[in-house]
Amino acid sequence: MSQAPAHAHQSGPRERPSLGAALTLAAADIKLSHSVFALPFAVLGAFLAFDPQAGWGRFGGQLALVVACMVLARTWAMLVNRLADARFDAANPRTAGRAVASGRLPVRVAVAIAGACAAGFVAACWLFLHWFANPWPVALALPVLGWLALYSFAKRFTALCHVLLGSALAISPLAAALAVRPHALAETPALLALSVMVLLWVAGFDIVYALQDEAFDRQHGLRSIPARLGARGAATLSRLFHAGAALALLAAWRLEPRFGTLFLAGALLATLVLAAEHAVLERRGLSGLPLAFFTLNGVVSCLVGAAGVTDVVA
């Protein structure tokens, strides 16, 4: 087994970081900027549910709460992931430098931040009831937090952990629509198509991301598609998932009358970006992962979100 960097095994007392330093460490470690993957779909779901007769002032408050819920829920989920995987992260040379695994962020501090984010999420959900007489967000707050946390333990029992992660992000357009106007879920079938798209898209790129740990997962009895199918089989399945995601985008365009030429163009461009992602990986291997995983997938979400919101508003 590969040796983890020495700093991952250093023992002895560490100075407890200040609150500001701890928050900075946590934000950097969980890559808060990666909220961009799901946030545009939540915003699009909110716009699809918006009733202009209710007024833009009311919707502005709802949208602000949706964004707050998204950031708090993702931070909770990622910190749970870092805490649950600390032992594996410390043993993996690729992840040994993570804040919790290396000891730079004490476990109790990470637990406190995660708990504060969960409490903030529940409070933001309660505000939908208090300000907008919508009980659904607060009623579903704890089940949602539980579902988001489940992914962190999934690799211990199923290779379909990537699909579980996809489902966690696929909640975003549905939850945002439910928070803005509950009846929108029954009246707007495109929301379900968008949710399916997010599920397949995220599962597809998470399979690619997991290629980095194929050998490590096998050695430590962790389940993943690359560990189960090998690199070639995993890459093929990822392409199939992304082809399904492209079809789901086209289905959303057909199902939603407010989606016009701009959304269709965004969907086609997003499909081309996904194809480019796989071309980069085919040509450059894992060295192309930063471009394929982070940059191109961020472009996909922003393209679809911006095109959809513009068409709905127009």
C-alpha atoms as a PDB file:
ATOM      1  CA  MET A   1       0.000   0.000   0.000  1.00  0.00           C
ATOM      2  CA  SER A   2       1.271   3.478  -0.769  1.00  0.00           C
ATOM      3  CA  GLN A   3       2.617   5.485   2.123  1.00  0.00           C
ATOM      4  CA  ALA A   4       0.628   8.567   3.068  1.00  0.00           C
ATOM      5  CA  PRO A   5       2.582  11.808   3.480  1.00  0.00           C
ATOM      6  CA  ALA A   6       4.286  12.128   6.817  1.00  0.00           C
ATOM      7  CA  HIS A   7       2.139  15.026   7.944  1.00  0.00           C
ATOM      8  CA  ALA A   8      -0.923  12.768   7.803  1.00  0.00           C
ATOM      9  CA  HIS A   9       0.555  10.627  10.586  1.00  0.00           C
ATOM     10  CA  GLN A  10       2.011  13.272  12.838  1.00  0.00           C
ATOM     11  CA  SER A  11       0.695  13.047  16.364  1.00  0.00           C
ATOM     12  CA  GLY A  12       0.768  15.389  19.283  1.00  0.00           C
ATOM     13  CA  PRO A  13      -1.366  18.337  20.322  1.00  0.00           C
ATOM     14  CA  ARG A  14      -2.341  20.837  17.692  1.00  0.00           C
ATOM     15  CA  GLU A  15      -3.295  24.406  18.378  1.00  0.00           C
ATOM     16  CA  ARG A  16      -7.022  24.863  17.944  1.00  0.00           C
ATOM     17  CA  PRO A  17      -7.657  27.246  15.026  1.00  0.00           C
ATOM     18  CA  SER A  18      -9.609  30.431  15.545  1.00  0.00           C
ATOM     19  CA  LEU A  19     -13.192  30.545  14.319  1.00  0.00           C
ATOM     20  CA  GLY A  20     -12.196  32.519  11.240  1.00  0.00           C
ATOM     21  CA  ALA A  21      -9.316  30.182  10.453  1.00  0.00           C
ATOM     22  CA  ALA A  22     -11.524  27.114  10.966  1.00  0.00           C
ATOM     23  CA  LEU A  23     -14.206  28.471   8.636  1.00  0.00           C
ATOM     24  CA  THR A  24     -11.574  29.345   6.023  1.00  0.00           C
ATOM     25  CA  LEU A  25     -10.064  25.853   6.291  1.00  0.00           C
ATOM     26  CA  ALA A  26     -13.478  24.208   5.992  1.00  0.00           C
ATOM     27  CA  ALA A  27     -14.536  26.353   3.021  1.00  0.00           C
ATOM     28  CA  ALA A  28     -11.285  25.671   1.175  1.00  0.00           C
ATOM     29  CA  ASP A  29     -11.355  21.954   1.956  1.00  0.00           C
ATOM     30  CA  ILE A  30     -14.899  21.359   0.707  1.00  0.00           C
ATOM     31  CA  LYS A  31     -14.392  23.697  -2.278  1.00  0.00           C
ATOM     32  CA  LEU A  32     -17.350  25.958  -1.596  1.00  0.00           C
ATOM     33  CA  SER A  33     -17.076  27.290  -5.150  1.00  0.00           C
ATOM     34  CA  HIS A  34     -18.262  23.898  -6.411  1.00  0.00           C
ATOM     35  CA  SER A  35     -21.764  24.854  -5.281  1.00  0.00           C
ATOM     36  CA  VAL A  36     -21.954  26.049  -8.892  1.00  0.00           C
ATOM     37  CA  PHE A  37     -22.678  22.468  -9.981  1.00  0.00           C
ATOM     38  CA  ALA A  38     -26.174  22.326  -8.461  1.00  0.00           C
ATOM     39  CA  LEU A  39     -27.038  25.957  -7.689  1.00  0.00           C
ATOM     40  CA  PRO A  40     -27.993  27.015 -11.266  1.00  0.00           C
ATOM     41  CA  PHE A  41     -30.488  24.131 -11.411  1.00  0.00           C
ATOM     42  CA  ALA A  42     -32.026  25.183  -8.096  1.00  0.00           C
ATOM     43  CA  VAL A  43     -32.368  28.742  -9.355  1.00  0.00           C
ATOM     44  CA  LEU A  44     -33.906  27.483 -12.597  1.00  0.00           C
ATOM     45  CA  GLY A  45     -36.349  25.321 -10.629  1.00  0.00           C
ATOM     46  CA  ALA A  46     -37.358  28.359  -8.589  1.00  0.00           C
ATOM     47  CA  PHE A  47     -37.979  30.428 -11.729  1.00  0.00           C
ATOM     48  CA  LEU A  48     -40.036  27.630 -13.283  1.00  0.00           C
ATOM     49  CA  ALA A  49     -42.244  27.618 -10.173  1.00  0.00           C
ATOM     50  CA  PHE A  50     -42.534  31.409  -9.914  1.00  0.00           C
ATOM     51  CA  ASP A  51     -46.001  32.860 -10.330  1.00  0.00           C
ATOM     52  CA  PRO A  52     -45.707  36.468 -11.607  1.00  0.00           C
ATOM     53  CA  GLN A  53     -49.011  37.324  -9.950  1.00  0.00           C
ATOM     54  CA  ALA A  54     -47.366  36.737  -6.573  1.00  0.00           C
ATOM     55  CA  GLY A  55     -44.953  39.605  -7.229  1.00  0.00           C
ATOM     56  CA  TRP A  56     -41.208  39.910  -7.668  1.00  0.00           C
ATOM     57  CA  GLY A  57     -40.699  41.138  -4.113  1.00  0.00           C
ATOM     58  CA  ARG A  58     -42.045  37.909  -2.638  1.00  0.00           C
ATOM     59  CA  PHE A  59     -40.080  35.839  -5.144  1.00  0.00           C
ATOM     60  CA  GLY A  60     -36.873  37.702  -4.309  1.00  0.00           C
ATOM     61  CA  GLY A  61     -37.186  36.631  -0.687  1.00  0.00           C
ATOM     62  CA  GLN A  62     -37.923  33.050  -1.685  1.00  0.00           C
ATOM     63  CA  LEU A  63     -34.972  32.951  -4.083  1.00  0.00           C
ATOM     64  CA  ALA A  64     -32.599  34.281  -1.404  1.00  0.00           C
ATOM     65  CA  LEU A  65     -33.738  31.509   0.945  1.00  0.00           C
ATOM     66  CA  VAL A  66     -33.306  28.899  -1.800  1.00  0.00           C
ATOM     67  CA  VAL A  67     -29.690  30.005  -2.337  1.00  0.00           C
ATOM     68  CA  ALA A  68     -29.031  30.014   1.431  1.00  0.00           C
ATOM     69  CA  CYS A  69     -30.491  26.512   1.762  1.00  0.00           C
ATOM     70  CA  MET A  70     -28.364  25.246  -1.127  1.00  0.00           C
ATOM     71  CA  VAL A  71     -25.096  26.558   0.328  1.00  0.00           C
ATOM     72  CA  LEU A  72     -25.885  25.376   3.865  1.00  0.00           C
ATOM     73  CA  ALA A  73     -27.019  21.926   2.736  1.00  0.00           C
ATOM     74  CA  ARG A  74     -23.977  21.380   0.524  1.00  0.00           C
ATOM     75  CA  THR A  75     -21.603  22.508   3.279  1.00  0.00           C
ATOM     76  CA  TRP A  76     -23.277  20.092   5.689  1.00  0.00           C
ATOM     77  CA  ALA A  77     -23.037  17.224   3.213  1.00  0.00           C
ATOM     78  CA  MET A  78     -19.386  17.859   2.348  1.00  0.00           C
ATOM     79  CA  LEU A  79     -18.299  18.155   5.985  1.00  0.00           C
ATOM     80  CA  VAL A  80     -20.103  14.918   6.813  1.00  0.00           C
ATOM     81  CA  ASN A  81     -18.187  13.383   3.909  1.00  0.00           C
ATOM     82  CA  ARG A  82     -14.848  14.620   5.237  1.00  0.00           C
ATOM     83  CA  LEU A  83     -15.657  13.351   8.738  1.00  0.00           C
ATOM     84  CA  ALA A  84     -16.944   9.957   7.577  1.00  0.00           C
ATOM     85  CA  ASP A  85     -13.980   9.406   5.250  1.00  0.00           C
ATOM     86  CA  ALA A  86     -11.226  10.839   7.476  1.00  0.00           C
ATOM     87  CA  ARG A  87      -9.613   7.433   8.037  1.00  0.00           C
ATOM     88  CA  PHE A  88      -9.610   6.585   4.327  1.00  0.00           C
ATOM     89  CA  ASP A  89      -8.533  10.089   3.332  1.00  0.00           C
ATOM     90  CA  ALA A  90      -5.535   9.926   5.672  1.00  0.00           C
ATOM     91  CA  ALA A  91      -4.422   6.633   4.084  1.00  0.00           C
ATOM     92  CA  ASN A  92      -4.845   7.894   0.499  1.00  0.00           C
ATOM     93  CA  PRO A  93      -1.887   9.977  -0.796  1.00  0.00           C
ATOM     94  CA  ARG A  94      -4.278  11.993  -2.985  1.00  0.00           C
ATOM     95  CA  THR A  95      -6.441  13.100  -0.054  1.00  0.00           C
ATOM     96  CA  ALA A  96      -4.118  12.915   2.959  1.00  0.00           C
ATOM     97  CA  GLY A  97      -3.743  16.698   2.995  1.00  0.00           C
ATOM     98  CA  ARG A  98      -7.438  17.342   3.524  1.00  0.00           C
ATOM     99  CA  ALA A  99      -8.107  19.454   6.589  1.00  0.00           C
ATOM    100  CA  VAL A 100      -9.840  16.845   8.761  1.00  0.00           C
ATOM    101  CA  ALA A 101      -7.727  13.893   7.623  1.00  0.00           C
ATOM    102  CA  SER A 102      -4.478  15.765   8.311  1.00  0.00           C
ATOM    103  CA  GLY A 103      -5.666  17.122  11.655  1.00  0.00           C
ATOM    104  CA  ARG A 104      -5.449  20.781  10.622  1.00  0.00           C
ATOM    105  CA  LEU A 105      -9.196  21.042  11.251  1.00  0.00           C
ATOM    106  CA  PRO A 106     -10.035  19.237  14.522  1.00  0.00           C
ATOM    107  CA  VAL A 107     -12.890  16.759  14.323  1.00  0.00           C
ATOM    108  CA  ARG A 108     -14.916  18.506  17.006  1.00  0.00           C
ATOM    109  CA  VAL A 109     -14.605  21.829  15.164  1.00  0.00           C
ATOM    110  CA  ALA A 110     -15.698  20.228  11.881  1.00  0.00           C
ATOM    111  CA  VAL A 111     -18.633  18.597  13.689  1.00  0.00           C
ATOM    112  CA  ALA A 112     -19.605  21.966  15.172  1.00  0.00           C
ATOM    113  CA  ILE A 113     -19.517  23.691  11.765  1.00  0.00           C
ATOM    114  CA  ALA A 114     -21.517  20.872  10.156  1.00  0.00           C
ATOM    115  CA  GLY A 115     -24.069  21.034  12.976  1.00  0.00           C
ATOM    116  CA  ALA A 116     -24.351  24.806  12.614  1.00  0.00           C
ATOM    117  CA  CYS A 117     -24.960  24.430   8.869  1.00  0.00           C
ATOM    118  CA  ALA A 118     -27.652  21.808   9.498  1.00  0.00           C
ATOM    119  CA  ALA A 119     -29.328  24.072  12.051  1.00  0.00           C
ATOM    120  CA  GLY A 120     -29.090  27.018   9.653  1.00  0.00           C
ATOM    121  CA  PHE A 121     -30.631  24.929   6.897  1.00  0.00           C
ATOM    122  CA  VAL A 122     -33.585  23.935   9.104  1.00  0.00           C
ATOM    123  CA  ALA A 123     -34.023  27.572  10.183  1.00  0.00           C
ATOM    124  CA  ALA A 124     -34.026  28.766   6.558  1.00  0.00           C
ATOM    125  CA  CYS A 125     -36.601  26.080   5.711  1.00  0.00           C
ATOM    126  CA  TRP A 126     -38.741  27.243   8.644  1.00  0.00           C
ATOM    127  CA  LEU A 127     -38.716  30.775   7.237  1.00  0.00           C
ATOM    128  CA  PHE A 128     -40.646  29.490   4.219  1.00  0.00           C
ATOM    129  CA  LEU A 129     -43.401  28.571   6.675  1.00  0.00           C
ATOM    130  CA  HIS A 130     -43.084  31.766   8.706  1.00  0.00           C
ATOM    131  CA  TRP A 131     -42.944  34.224   5.813  1.00  0.00           C
ATOM    132  CA  PHE A 132     -44.679  32.418   2.952  1.00  0.00           C
ATOM    133  CA  ALA A 133     -47.038  29.948   4.687  1.00  0.00           C
ATOM    134  CA  ASN A 134     -45.325  27.013   2.943  1.00  0.00           C
ATOM    135  CA  PRO A 135     -44.844  24.064   5.361  1.00  0.00           C
ATOM    136  CA  TRP A 136     -43.130  21.709   2.903  1.00  0.00           C
ATOM    137  CA  PRO A 137     -39.510  22.880   3.251  1.00  0.00           C
ATOM    138  CA  VAL A 138     -39.369  22.570   7.038  1.00  0.00           C
ATOM    139  CA  ALA A 139     -41.340  19.298   6.981  1.00  0.00           C
ATOM    140  CA  LEU A 140     -38.772  17.774   4.619  1.00  0.00           C
ATOM    141  CA  ALA A 141     -35.665  19.454   6.049  1.00  0.00           C
ATOM    142  CA  LEU A 142     -34.416  16.550   8.184  1.00  0.00           C
ATOM    143  CA  PRO A 143     -35.100  13.832   5.569  1.00  0.00           C
ATOM    144  CA  VAL A 144     -33.189  15.919   3.014  1.00  0.00           C
ATOM    145  CA  LEU A 145     -30.216  16.351   5.361  1.00  0.00           C
ATOM    146  CA  GLY A 146     -30.225  12.611   6.013  1.00  0.00           C
ATOM    147  CA  TRP A 147     -30.316  11.783   2.308  1.00  0.00           C
ATOM    148  CA  LEU A 148     -27.454  14.177   1.583  1.00  0.00           C
ATOM    149  CA  ALA A 149     -25.368  12.602   4.340  1.00  0.00           C
ATOM    150  CA  LEU A 150     -26.035   9.046   3.152  1.00  0.00           C
ATOM    151  CA  TYR A 151     -23.715   9.402   0.161  1.00  0.00           C
ATOM    152  CA  SER A 152     -20.721   9.667   2.481  1.00  0.00           C
ATOM    153  CA  PHE A 153     -21.250   6.072   3.619  1.00  0.00           C
ATOM    154  CA  ALA A 154     -22.448   4.582   0.324  1.00  0.00           C
ATOM    155  CA  LYS A 155     -19.043   3.365  -0.913  1.00  0.00           C
ATOM    156  CA  ARG A 156     -19.003   0.963   2.001  1.00  0.00           C
ATOM    157  CA  PHE A 157     -21.952  -1.018   0.620  1.00  0.00           C
ATOM    158  CA  THR A 158     -22.691  -0.207  -3.046  1.00  0.00           C
ATOM    159  CA  ALA A 159     -20.835   0.622  -6.249  1.00  0.00           C
ATOM    160  CA  LEU A 160     -23.853   2.751  -7.191  1.00  0.00           C
ATOM    161  CA  CYS A 161     -22.633   5.449  -4.799  1.00  0.00           C
ATOM    162  CA  HIS A 162     -22.206   7.734  -7.830  1.00  0.00           C
ATOM    163  CA  VAL A 163     -25.912   7.447  -8.624  1.00  0.00           C
ATOM    164  CA  LEU A 164     -26.703   8.237  -5.002  1.00  0.00           C
ATOM    165  CA  LEU A 165     -24.608  11.396  -5.247  1.00  0.00           C
ATOM    166  CA  GLY A 166     -26.444  12.268  -8.455  1.00  0.00           C
ATOM    167  CA  SER A 167     -29.773  11.860  -6.693  1.00  0.00           C
ATOM    168  CA  ALA A 168     -28.622  14.161  -3.892  1.00  0.00           C
ATOM    169  CA  LEU A 169     -27.959  16.978  -6.367  1.00  0.00           C
ATOM    170  CA  ALA A 170     -30.996  16.073  -8.476  1.00  0.00           C
ATOM    171  CA  ILE A 171     -33.203  17.140  -5.566  1.00  0.00           C
ATOM    172  CA  SER A 172     -32.177  20.759  -6.143  1.00  0.00           C
ATOM    173  CA  PRO A 173     -34.614  21.857  -8.914  1.00  0.00           C
ATOM    174  CA  LEU A 174     -37.486  19.914  -7.324  1.00  0.00           C
ATOM    175  CA  ALA A 175     -36.832  21.274  -3.818  1.00  0.00           C
ATOM    176  CA  ALA A 176     -36.504  24.844  -5.055  1.00  0.00           C
ATOM    177  CA  ALA A 177     -39.773  24.606  -6.985  1.00  0.00           C
ATOM    178  CA  LEU A 178     -41.525  23.057  -3.983  1.00  0.00           C
ATOM    179  CA  ALA A 179     -40.288  25.891  -1.790  1.00  0.00           C
ATOM    180  CA  VAL A 180     -41.498  28.594  -4.174  1.00  0.00           C
ATOM    181  CA  ARG A 181     -44.857  27.076  -5.173  1.00  0.00           C
ATOM    182  CA  PRO A 182     -45.717  23.482  -4.204  1.00  0.00           C
ATOM    183  CA  HIS A 183     -48.242  23.018  -7.014  1.00  0.00           C
ATOM    184  CA  ALA A 184     -45.476  23.609  -9.555  1.00  0.00           C
ATOM    185  CA  LEU A 185     -44.262  20.024  -9.182  1.00  0.00           C
ATOM    186  CA  ALA A 186     -47.526  18.689 -10.608  1.00  0.00           C
ATOM    187  CA  GLU A 187     -47.930  21.462 -13.175  1.00  0.00           C
ATOM    188  CA  THR A 188     -44.384  21.565 -14.581  1.00  0.00           C
ATOM    189  CA  PRO A 189     -43.208  18.160 -15.877  1.00  0.00           C
ATOM    190  CA  ALA A 190     -39.977  19.715 -17.156  1.00  0.00           C
ATOM    191  CA  LEU A 191     -38.826  19.839 -13.534  1.00  0.00           C
ATOM    192  CA  LEU A 192     -38.675  16.054 -13.426  1.00  0.00           C
ATOM    193  CA  ALA A 193     -36.749  15.955 -16.700  1.00  0.00           C
ATOM    194  CA  LEU A 194     -34.234  18.451 -15.280  1.00  0.00           C
ATOM    195  CA  SER A 195     -33.911  16.343 -12.149  1.00  0.00           C
ATOM    196  CA  VAL A 196     -33.179  13.229 -14.228  1.00  0.00           C
ATOM    197  CA  MET A 197     -30.634  15.218 -16.216  1.00  0.00           C
ATOM    198  CA  VAL A 198     -28.819  16.299 -13.031  1.00  0.00           C
ATOM    199  CA  LEU A 199     -28.824  12.752 -11.661  1.00  0.00           C
ATOM    200  CA  LEU A 200     -27.260  11.258 -14.812  1.00  0.00           C
ATOM    201  CA  TRP A 201     -24.874  14.166 -15.357  1.00  0.00           C
ATOM    202  CA  VAL A 202     -23.519  14.142 -11.787  1.00  0.00           C
ATOM    203  CA  ALA A 203     -23.296  10.333 -11.623  1.00  0.00           C
ATOM    204  CA  GLY A 204     -21.406  10.376 -14.927  1.00  0.00           C
ATOM    205  CA  PHE A 205     -18.788  12.894 -13.874  1.00  0.00           C
ATOM    206  CA  ASP A 206     -18.423  11.378 -10.391  1.00  0.00           C
ATOM    207  CA  ILE A 207     -17.554   8.038 -12.015  1.00  0.00           C
ATOM    208  CA  VAL A 208     -14.817   9.832 -13.957  1.00  0.00           C
ATOM    209  CA  TYR A 209     -13.579  11.549 -10.787  1.00  0.00           C
ATOM    210  CA  ALA A 210     -13.430   8.183  -8.988  1.00  0.00           C
ATOM    211  CA  LEU A 211     -10.968   6.853 -11.593  1.00  0.00           C
ATOM    212  CA  GLN A 212      -8.238   8.482  -9.498  1.00  0.00           C
ATOM    213  CA  ASP A 213      -8.916   6.071  -6.634  1.00  0.00           C
ATOM    214  CA  GLU A 214      -9.571   2.858  -8.551  1.00  0.00           C
ATOM    215  CA  ALA A 215      -6.609   0.969  -7.027  1.00  0.00           C
ATOM    216  CA  PHE A 216      -7.078   2.478  -3.565  1.00  0.00           C
ATOM    217  CA  ASP A 217     -10.770   1.529  -3.469  1.00  0.00           C
ATOM    218  CA  ARG A 218      -9.982  -2.052  -4.366  1.00  0.00           C
ATOM    219  CA  GLN A 219      -7.238  -2.311  -1.741  1.00  0.00           C
ATOM    220  CA  HIS A 220      -9.494  -0.971   1.008  1.00  0.00           C
ATOM    221  CA  GLY A 221     -12.698  -2.796   0.111  1.00  0.00           C
ATOM    222  CA  LEU A 222     -14.514   0.358  -1.014  1.00  0.00           C
ATOM    223  CA  ARG A 223     -17.095   0.036  -3.744  1.00  0.00           C
ATOM    224  CA  SER A 224     -17.130   2.230  -6.828  1.00  0.00           C
ATOM    225  CA  ILE A 225     -17.823   1.807 -10.523  1.00  0.00           C
ATOM    226  CA  PRO A 226     -14.117   2.053 -11.471  1.00  0.00           C
ATOM    227  CA  ALA A 227     -13.221  -0.546  -8.822  1.00  0.00           C
ATOM    228  CA  ARG A 228     -16.017  -2.782 -10.076  1.00  0.00           C
ATOM    229  CA  LEU A 229     -15.744  -2.351 -13.870  1.00  0.00           C
ATOM    230  CA  GLY A 230     -12.216  -1.070 -14.361  1.00  0.00           C
ATOM    231  CA  ALA A 231     -11.210   2.166 -16.059  1.00  0.00           C
ATOM    232  CA  ARG A 232     -12.501   1.282 -19.522  1.00  0.00           C
ATOM    233  CA  GLY A 233     -15.877   0.013 -18.301  1.00  0.00           C
ATOM    234  CA  ALA A 234     -16.281   3.022 -16.002  1.00  0.00           C
ATOM    235  CA  ALA A 235     -15.502   5.457 -18.821  1.00  0.00           C
ATOM    236  CA  THR A 236     -18.052   3.745 -21.069  1.00  0.00           C
ATOM    237  CA  LEU A 237     -20.752   3.887 -18.399  1.00  0.00           C
ATOM    238  CA  SER A 238     -19.974   7.557 -17.759  1.00  0.00           C
ATOM    239  CA  ARG A 239     -20.480   8.294 -21.476  1.00  0.00           C
ATOM    240  CA  LEU A 240     -23.816   6.471 -21.424  1.00  0.00           C
ATOM    241  CA  PHE A 241     -24.949   8.444 -18.404  1.00  0.00           C
ATOM    242  CA  HIS A 242     -24.004  11.698 -20.089  1.00  0.00           C
ATOM    243  CA  ALA A 243     -25.819  10.690 -23.275  1.00  0.00           C
ATOM    244  CA  GLY A 244     -28.899  10.096 -21.113  1.00  0.00           C
ATOM    245  CA  ALA A 245     -28.400  13.503 -19.486  1.00  0.00           C
ATOM    246  CA  ALA A 246     -28.390  15.151 -22.931  1.00  0.00           C
ATOM    247  CA  LEU A 247     -31.638  13.381 -23.846  1.00  0.00           C
ATOM    248  CA  ALA A 248     -33.203  14.508 -20.559  1.00  0.00           C
ATOM    249  CA  LEU A 249     -32.304  18.110 -21.406  1.00  0.00           C
ATOM    250  CA  LEU A 250     -34.041  17.790 -24.770  1.00  0.00           C
ATOM    251  CA  ALA A 251     -37.060  16.271 -23.005  1.00  0.00           C
ATOM    252  CA  ALA A 252     -37.174  19.281 -20.671  1.00  0.00           C
ATOM    253  CA  TRP A 253     -37.140  21.599 -23.692  1.00  0.00           C
ATOM    254  CA  ARG A 254     -40.047  19.719 -25.278  1.00  0.00           C
ATOM    255  CA  LEU A 255     -42.053  19.597 -22.049  1.00  0.00           C
ATOM    256  CA  GLU A 256     -41.751  23.254 -21.024  1.00  0.00           C
ATOM    257  CA  PRO A 257     -43.558  25.785 -23.283  1.00  0.00           C
ATOM    258  CA  ARG A 258     -41.502  28.655 -21.860  1.00  0.00           C
ATOM    259  CA  PHE A 259     -38.257  27.059 -23.015  1.00  0.00           C
ATOM    260  CA  GLY A 260     -37.457  28.386 -26.453  1.00  0.00           C
ATOM    261  CA  THR A 261     -34.536  28.662 -28.820  1.00  0.00           C
ATOM    262  CA  LEU A 262     -32.150  29.927 -26.159  1.00  0.00           C
ATOM    263  CA  PHE A 263     -32.672  26.909 -23.873  1.00  0.00           C
ATOM    264  CA  LEU A 264     -32.344  24.567 -26.835  1.00  0.00           C
ATOM    265  CA  ALA A 265     -29.075  26.246 -27.799  1.00  0.00           C
ATOM    266  CA  GLY A 266     -27.872  25.979 -24.195  1.00  0.00           C
ATOM    267  CA  ALA A 267     -28.810  22.286 -24.093  1.00  0.00           C
ATOM    268  CA  LEU A 268     -26.958  21.588 -27.351  1.00  0.00           C
ATOM    269  CA  LEU A 269     -23.893  23.524 -26.193  1.00  0.00           C
ATOM    270  CA  ALA A 270     -23.953  21.653 -22.869  1.00  0.00           C
ATOM    271  CA  THR A 271     -24.025  18.381 -24.812  1.00  0.00           C
ATOM    272  CA  LEU A 272     -20.996  19.488 -26.820  1.00  0.00           C
ATOM    273  CA  VAL A 273     -19.198  20.418 -23.590  1.00  0.00           C
ATOM    274  CA  LEU A 274     -19.897  16.953 -22.164  1.00  0.00           C
ATOM    275  CA  ALA A 275     -18.523  15.405 -25.347  1.00  0.00           C
ATOM    276  CA  ALA A 276     -15.437  17.624 -25.014  1.00  0.00           C
ATOM    277  CA  GLU A 277     -15.038  16.453 -21.425  1.00  0.00           C
ATOM    278  CA  HIS A 278     -14.754  12.839 -22.537  1.00  0.00           C
ATOM    279  CA  ALA A 279     -12.465  13.797 -25.419  1.00  0.00           C
ATOM    280  CA  VAL A 280     -10.114  15.521 -22.963  1.00  0.00           C
ATOM    281  CA  LEU A 281     -10.047  12.451 -20.736  1.00  0.00           C
ATOM    282  CA  GLU A 282      -9.505  10.145 -23.699  1.00  0.00           C
ATOM    283  CA  ARG A 283      -6.584  12.200 -24.922  1.00  0.00           C
ATOM    284  CA  ARG A 284      -4.950  13.291 -21.670  1.00  0.00           C
ATOM    285  CA  GLY A 285      -6.044  10.631 -19.177  1.00  0.00           C
ATOM    286  CA  LEU A 286      -6.202  11.592 -15.497  1.00  0.00           C
ATOM    287  CA  SER A 287      -3.990  14.626 -16.142  1.00  0.00           C
ATOM    288  CA  GLY A 288      -6.985  16.158 -17.927  1.00  0.00           C
ATOM    289  CA  LEU A 289      -9.264  15.646 -14.948  1.00  0.00           C
ATOM    290  CA  PRO A 290      -9.073  19.204 -13.507  1.00  0.00           C
ATOM    291  CA  LEU A 291     -10.276  20.637 -16.833  1.00  0.00           C
ATOM    292  CA  ALA A 292     -12.844  17.895 -17.461  1.00  0.00           C
ATOM    293  CA  PHE A 293     -14.234  17.674 -13.937  1.00  0.00           C
ATOM    294  CA  PHE A 294     -14.123  21.204 -12.561  1.00  0.00           C
ATOM    295  CA  THR A 295     -14.116  23.663 -15.462  1.00  0.00           C
ATOM    296  CA  LEU A 296     -16.264  21.924 -18.079  1.00  0.00           C
ATOM    297  CA  ASN A 297     -18.912  20.686 -15.651  1.00  0.00           C
ATOM    298  CA  GLY A 298     -19.195  24.176 -14.188  1.00  0.00           C
ATOM    299  CA  VAL A 299     -19.779  25.443 -17.727  1.00  0.00           C
ATOM    300  CA  VAL A 300     -22.556  22.856 -18.243  1.00  0.00           C
ATOM    301  CA  SER A 301     -24.531  23.941 -15.174  1.00  0.00           C
ATOM    302  CA  CYS A 302     -24.125  27.659 -15.846  1.00  0.00           C
ATOM    303  CA  LEU A 303     -25.078  27.266 -19.516  1.00  0.00           C
ATOM    304  CA  VAL A 304     -28.284  25.366 -18.809  1.00  0.00           C
ATOM    305  CA  GLY A 305     -29.251  27.493 -15.811  1.00  0.00           C
ATOM    306  CA  ALA A 306     -28.673  30.835 -17.494  1.00  0.00           C
ATOM    307  CA  ALA A 307     -30.409  29.826 -20.749  1.00  0.00           C
ATOM    308  CA  GLY A 308     -33.398  28.388 -18.898  1.00  0.00           C
ATOM    309  CA  VAL A 309     -33.861  31.374 -16.579  1.00  0.00           C
ATOM    310  CA  THR A 310     -33.548  33.826 -19.498  1.00  0.00           C
ATOM    311  CA  ASP A 311     -36.187  31.971 -21.527  1.00  0.00           C
ATOM    312  CA  VAL A 312     -38.579  31.772 -18.546  1.00  0.00           C
ATOM    313  CA  VAL A 313     -38.222  35.473 -17.725  1.00  0.00           C
ATOM    314  CA  ALA A 314     -38.496  36.489 -21.370  1.00  0.00           C
END
